Amino acid sequence: MDITGFIIFLVIGGVAGWLAGTIMKGGGFGLLGNILIGIAGGIVGGFLFRLLVIAAGGLIGSMVTAIVGAVGLLYVIGLFKNRKESSI
């Protein structure tokens, strides 16, 4: 991966993380947090799309995959967070 590809990877991660935070009413997590959530979402989304046999190619497909994965990841994190808060 060259530097341009790496920068695109980070931008997709940042935008996907920010959009997922906005969709899930989190409002974003700062630049680094958004990038990390978006990258993790891309991994989770890629896994989910492969399980469901959905192909999403290109820049838009990568963005959709990362957003779907990040929203799913934030949803699962929210479930554990709510569970922990209710047990206190």
N, C-alpha and C. Protein backbone atom coordinates (compact mmCIF):
# COMPACT_ATOMS: atom_id res chain seq x y z
N MET A 1 0.85 -1.17 0.00
CA MET A 1 0.00 0.00 0.00
C MET A 1 0.90 1.24 0.00
N ASP A 2 0.65 2.10 -0.94
CA ASP A 2 1.43 3.34 -1.01
C ASP A 2 0.80 4.40 -0.10
N ILE A 3 1.42 5.54 -0.01
CA ILE A 3 0.97 6.60 0.90
C ILE A 3 -0.41 7.13 0.52
N THR A 4 -0.71 7.20 -0.77
CA THR A 4 -2.03 7.67 -1.21
C THR A 4 -3.12 6.70 -0.77
N GLY A 5 -2.88 5.42 -0.96
CA GLY A 5 -3.84 4.42 -0.52
C GLY A 5 -4.05 4.44 0.98
N PHE A 6 -2.97 4.66 1.72
CA PHE A 6 -3.06 4.73 3.17
C PHE A 6 -3.87 5.95 3.61
N ILE A 7 -3.67 7.08 2.96
CA ILE A 7 -4.43 8.29 3.30
C ILE A 7 -5.90 8.09 2.97
N ILE A 8 -6.20 7.48 1.84
CA ILE A 8 -7.60 7.19 1.49
C ILE A 8 -8.22 6.26 2.51
N PHE A 9 -7.47 5.26 2.95
CA PHE A 9 -7.91 4.32 3.98
C PHE A 9 -8.27 5.07 5.27
N LEU A 10 -7.43 6.00 5.68
CA LEU A 10 -7.69 6.78 6.89
C LEU A 10 -8.89 7.71 6.73
N VAL A 11 -9.02 8.32 5.55
CA VAL A 11 -10.15 9.22 5.30
C VAL A 11 -11.46 8.44 5.32
N ILE A 12 -11.49 7.29 4.67
CA ILE A 12 -12.69 6.45 4.68
C ILE A 12 -13.02 6.04 6.11
N GLY A 13 -12.01 5.65 6.88
CA GLY A 13 -12.23 5.28 8.27
C GLY A 13 -12.77 6.43 9.10
N GLY A 14 -12.20 7.63 8.90
CA GLY A 14 -12.66 8.80 9.65
C GLY A 14 -14.09 9.18 9.32
N VAL A 15 -14.41 9.22 8.04
CA VAL A 15 -15.77 9.58 7.61
C VAL A 15 -16.77 8.52 8.06
N ALA A 16 -16.42 7.25 7.91
CA ALA A 16 -17.31 6.17 8.32
C ALA A 16 -17.55 6.20 9.82
N GLY A 17 -16.50 6.43 10.60
CA GLY A 17 -16.65 6.51 12.05
C GLY A 17 -17.50 7.69 12.47
N TRP A 18 -17.29 8.85 11.83
CA TRP A 18 -18.08 10.03 12.15
C TRP A 18 -19.55 9.82 11.80
N LEU A 19 -19.82 9.27 10.61
CA LEU A 19 -21.21 9.03 10.21
C LEU A 19 -21.88 8.00 11.12
N ALA A 20 -21.14 6.95 11.48
CA ALA A 20 -21.71 5.94 12.38
C ALA A 20 -22.02 6.55 13.74
N GLY A 21 -21.13 7.40 14.26
CA GLY A 21 -21.39 8.08 15.53
C GLY A 21 -22.59 8.99 15.45
N THR A 22 -22.76 9.65 14.32
CA THR A 22 -23.92 10.53 14.12
C THR A 22 -25.20 9.71 14.00
N ILE A 23 -25.16 8.61 13.26
CA ILE A 23 -26.34 7.76 13.10
C ILE A 23 -26.75 7.16 14.44
N MET A 24 -25.79 6.75 15.23
CA MET A 24 -26.08 6.11 16.52
C MET A 24 -26.22 7.13 17.65
N LYS A 25 -26.37 8.40 17.34
CA LYS A 25 -26.59 9.49 18.30
C LYS A 25 -25.40 9.68 19.24
N GLY A 26 -24.20 9.34 18.77
CA GLY A 26 -23.02 9.56 19.60
C GLY A 26 -22.37 10.89 19.33
N GLY A 27 -22.61 11.46 18.18
CA GLY A 27 -22.06 12.76 17.83
C GLY A 27 -20.60 12.75 17.44
N GLY A 28 -20.01 11.60 17.24
CA GLY A 28 -18.61 11.53 16.86
C GLY A 28 -17.71 11.30 18.07
N PHE A 29 -16.49 10.92 17.83
CA PHE A 29 -15.57 10.53 18.89
C PHE A 29 -14.23 11.21 18.75
N GLY A 30 -14.17 12.33 18.07
CA GLY A 30 -12.90 12.98 17.80
C GLY A 30 -12.25 12.34 16.58
N LEU A 31 -11.24 12.97 16.06
CA LEU A 31 -10.61 12.50 14.82
C LEU A 31 -10.05 11.10 14.95
N LEU A 32 -9.23 10.86 15.96
CA LEU A 32 -8.61 9.54 16.13
C LEU A 32 -9.65 8.48 16.44
N GLY A 33 -10.61 8.81 17.29
CA GLY A 33 -11.67 7.86 17.63
C GLY A 33 -12.50 7.49 16.41
N ASN A 34 -12.86 8.49 15.59
CA ASN A 34 -13.62 8.22 14.38
C ASN A 34 -12.85 7.32 13.42
N ILE A 35 -11.56 7.58 13.27
CA ILE A 35 -10.75 6.76 12.38
C ILE A 35 -10.70 5.31 12.89
N LEU A 36 -10.49 5.14 14.18
CA LEU A 36 -10.42 3.79 14.74
C LEU A 36 -11.75 3.06 14.64
N ILE A 37 -12.85 3.75 14.94
CA ILE A 37 -14.19 3.14 14.81
C ILE A 37 -14.46 2.79 13.36
N GLY A 38 -14.09 3.67 12.43
CA GLY A 38 -14.31 3.41 11.00
C GLY A 38 -13.48 2.24 10.49
N ILE A 39 -12.22 2.15 10.93
CA ILE A 39 -11.38 1.03 10.50
C ILE A 39 -11.91 -0.29 11.06
N ALA A 40 -12.25 -0.29 12.35
CA ALA A 40 -12.84 -1.49 12.94
C ALA A 40 -14.17 -1.82 12.27
N GLY A 41 -14.94 -0.78 11.94
CA GLY A 41 -16.20 -1.00 11.23
C GLY A 41 -16.00 -1.58 9.85
N GLY A 42 -14.93 -1.16 9.17
CA GLY A 42 -14.63 -1.74 7.87
C GLY A 42 -14.33 -3.22 7.96
N ILE A 43 -13.63 -3.60 9.01
CA ILE A 43 -13.31 -5.02 9.22
C ILE A 43 -14.58 -5.80 9.54
N VAL A 44 -15.38 -5.27 10.47
CA VAL A 44 -16.63 -5.93 10.85
C VAL A 44 -17.60 -5.97 9.67
N GLY A 45 -17.72 -4.85 8.95
CA GLY A 45 -18.61 -4.81 7.79
C GLY A 45 -18.18 -5.77 6.70
N GLY A 46 -16.87 -5.86 6.45
CA GLY A 46 -16.38 -6.82 5.46
C GLY A 46 -16.71 -8.24 5.84
N PHE A 47 -16.57 -8.56 7.12
CA PHE A 47 -16.91 -9.89 7.60
C PHE A 47 -18.40 -10.17 7.44
N LEU A 48 -19.24 -9.20 7.84
CA LEU A 48 -20.69 -9.37 7.71
C LEU A 48 -21.12 -9.49 6.25
N PHE A 49 -20.55 -8.65 5.39
CA PHE A 49 -20.92 -8.71 3.96
C PHE A 49 -20.51 -10.04 3.35
N ARG A 50 -19.36 -10.58 3.75
CA ARG A 50 -18.95 -11.88 3.23
C ARG A 50 -19.88 -12.98 3.72
N LEU A 51 -20.33 -12.90 4.99
CA LEU A 51 -21.27 -13.89 5.51
C LEU A 51 -22.60 -13.86 4.76
N LEU A 52 -23.04 -12.66 4.41
CA LEU A 52 -24.31 -12.49 3.72
C LEU A 52 -24.17 -12.56 2.20
N VAL A 53 -22.96 -12.80 1.71
CA VAL A 53 -22.63 -12.89 0.29
C VAL A 53 -23.08 -11.62 -0.44
N ILE A 54 -22.66 -10.48 0.10
CA ILE A 54 -22.93 -9.18 -0.51
C ILE A 54 -21.60 -8.62 -0.97
N ALA A 55 -21.54 -8.20 -2.21
CA ALA A 55 -20.32 -7.62 -2.76
C ALA A 55 -20.49 -6.12 -2.92
N ALA A 56 -19.55 -5.37 -2.37
CA ALA A 56 -19.57 -3.91 -2.50
C ALA A 56 -18.17 -3.48 -2.88
N GLY A 57 -18.00 -3.04 -4.12
CA GLY A 57 -16.67 -2.69 -4.59
C GLY A 57 -16.50 -1.20 -4.80
N GLY A 58 -15.28 -0.78 -4.95
CA GLY A 58 -14.98 0.61 -5.22
C GLY A 58 -15.00 1.46 -3.96
N LEU A 59 -14.83 2.75 -4.16
CA LEU A 59 -14.76 3.69 -3.05
C LEU A 59 -16.09 3.78 -2.30
N ILE A 60 -17.19 3.86 -3.04
CA ILE A 60 -18.52 3.95 -2.41
C ILE A 60 -18.83 2.65 -1.67
N GLY A 61 -18.50 1.52 -2.26
CA GLY A 61 -18.73 0.23 -1.61
C GLY A 61 -17.93 0.10 -0.33
N SER A 62 -16.68 0.57 -0.36
CA SER A 62 -15.85 0.55 0.85
C SER A 62 -16.45 1.43 1.93
N MET A 63 -16.95 2.58 1.55
CA MET A 63 -17.56 3.50 2.51
C MET A 63 -18.81 2.88 3.12
N VAL A 64 -19.68 2.31 2.29
CA VAL A 64 -20.91 1.69 2.79
C VAL A 64 -20.58 0.53 3.72
N THR A 65 -19.62 -0.29 3.33
CA THR A 65 -19.21 -1.42 4.15
C THR A 65 -18.71 -0.95 5.51
N ALA A 66 -17.85 0.08 5.52
CA ALA A 66 -17.30 0.59 6.76
C ALA A 66 -18.38 1.23 7.64
N ILE A 67 -19.32 1.94 7.04
CA ILE A 67 -20.39 2.58 7.81
C ILE A 67 -21.29 1.52 8.44
N VAL A 68 -21.69 0.53 7.65
CA VAL A 68 -22.56 -0.54 8.17
C VAL A 68 -21.85 -1.27 9.31
N GLY A 69 -20.59 -1.58 9.12
CA GLY A 69 -19.83 -2.27 10.17
C GLY A 69 -19.66 -1.42 11.41
N ALA A 70 -19.39 -0.13 11.23
CA ALA A 70 -19.20 0.76 12.38
C ALA A 70 -20.50 0.95 13.15
N VAL A 71 -21.62 1.06 12.44
CA VAL A 71 -22.91 1.18 13.12
C VAL A 71 -23.20 -0.09 13.91
N GLY A 72 -22.94 -1.24 13.31
CA GLY A 72 -23.12 -2.51 14.02
C GLY A 72 -22.22 -2.62 15.23
N LEU A 73 -20.98 -2.20 15.07
CA LEU A 73 -20.03 -2.23 16.18
C LEU A 73 -20.49 -1.31 17.31
N LEU A 74 -20.92 -0.10 16.99
CA LEU A 74 -21.39 0.82 18.03
C LEU A 74 -22.67 0.31 18.69
N TYR A 75 -23.51 -0.37 17.95
CA TYR A 75 -24.72 -0.95 18.52
C TYR A 75 -24.37 -2.01 19.56
N VAL A 76 -23.45 -2.89 19.21
CA VAL A 76 -23.03 -3.95 20.13
C VAL A 76 -22.35 -3.35 21.36
N ILE A 77 -21.49 -2.36 21.16
CA ILE A 77 -20.84 -1.69 22.29
C ILE A 77 -21.90 -1.04 23.18
N GLY A 78 -22.91 -0.43 22.57
CA GLY A 78 -23.99 0.18 23.34
C GLY A 78 -24.76 -0.83 24.17
N LEU A 79 -24.95 -2.04 23.64
CA LEU A 79 -25.63 -3.09 24.40
C LEU A 79 -24.85 -3.44 25.66
N PHE A 80 -23.54 -3.61 25.51
CA PHE A 80 -22.71 -3.95 26.67
C PHE A 80 -22.63 -2.79 27.65
N LYS A 81 -22.57 -1.57 27.13
CA LYS A 81 -22.50 -0.41 27.99
C LYS A 81 -23.77 -0.26 28.81
N ASN A 82 -24.92 -0.44 28.17
CA ASN A 82 -26.21 -0.34 28.87
C ASN A 82 -26.36 -1.47 29.88
N ARG A 83 -25.86 -2.65 29.56
CA ARG A 83 -25.95 -3.76 30.47
C ARG A 83 -25.12 -3.50 31.73
N LYS A 84 -23.93 -2.94 31.54
CA LYS A 84 -23.05 -2.66 32.67
C LYS A 84 -23.64 -1.57 33.55
N GLU A 85 -24.22 -0.52 32.94
CA GLU A 85 -24.80 0.58 33.71
C GLU A 85 -26.04 0.13 34.48
N SER A 86 -26.82 -0.79 33.94
CA SER A 86 -28.04 -1.23 34.62
C SER A 86 -27.73 -2.17 35.78
N SER A 87 -26.55 -2.79 35.79
CA SER A 87 -26.21 -3.71 36.88
C SER A 87 -25.64 -2.97 38.08
N ILE A 88 -25.32 -1.69 37.92
CA ILE A 88 -24.75 -0.92 39.04
C ILE A 88 -25.82 -0.39 39.95
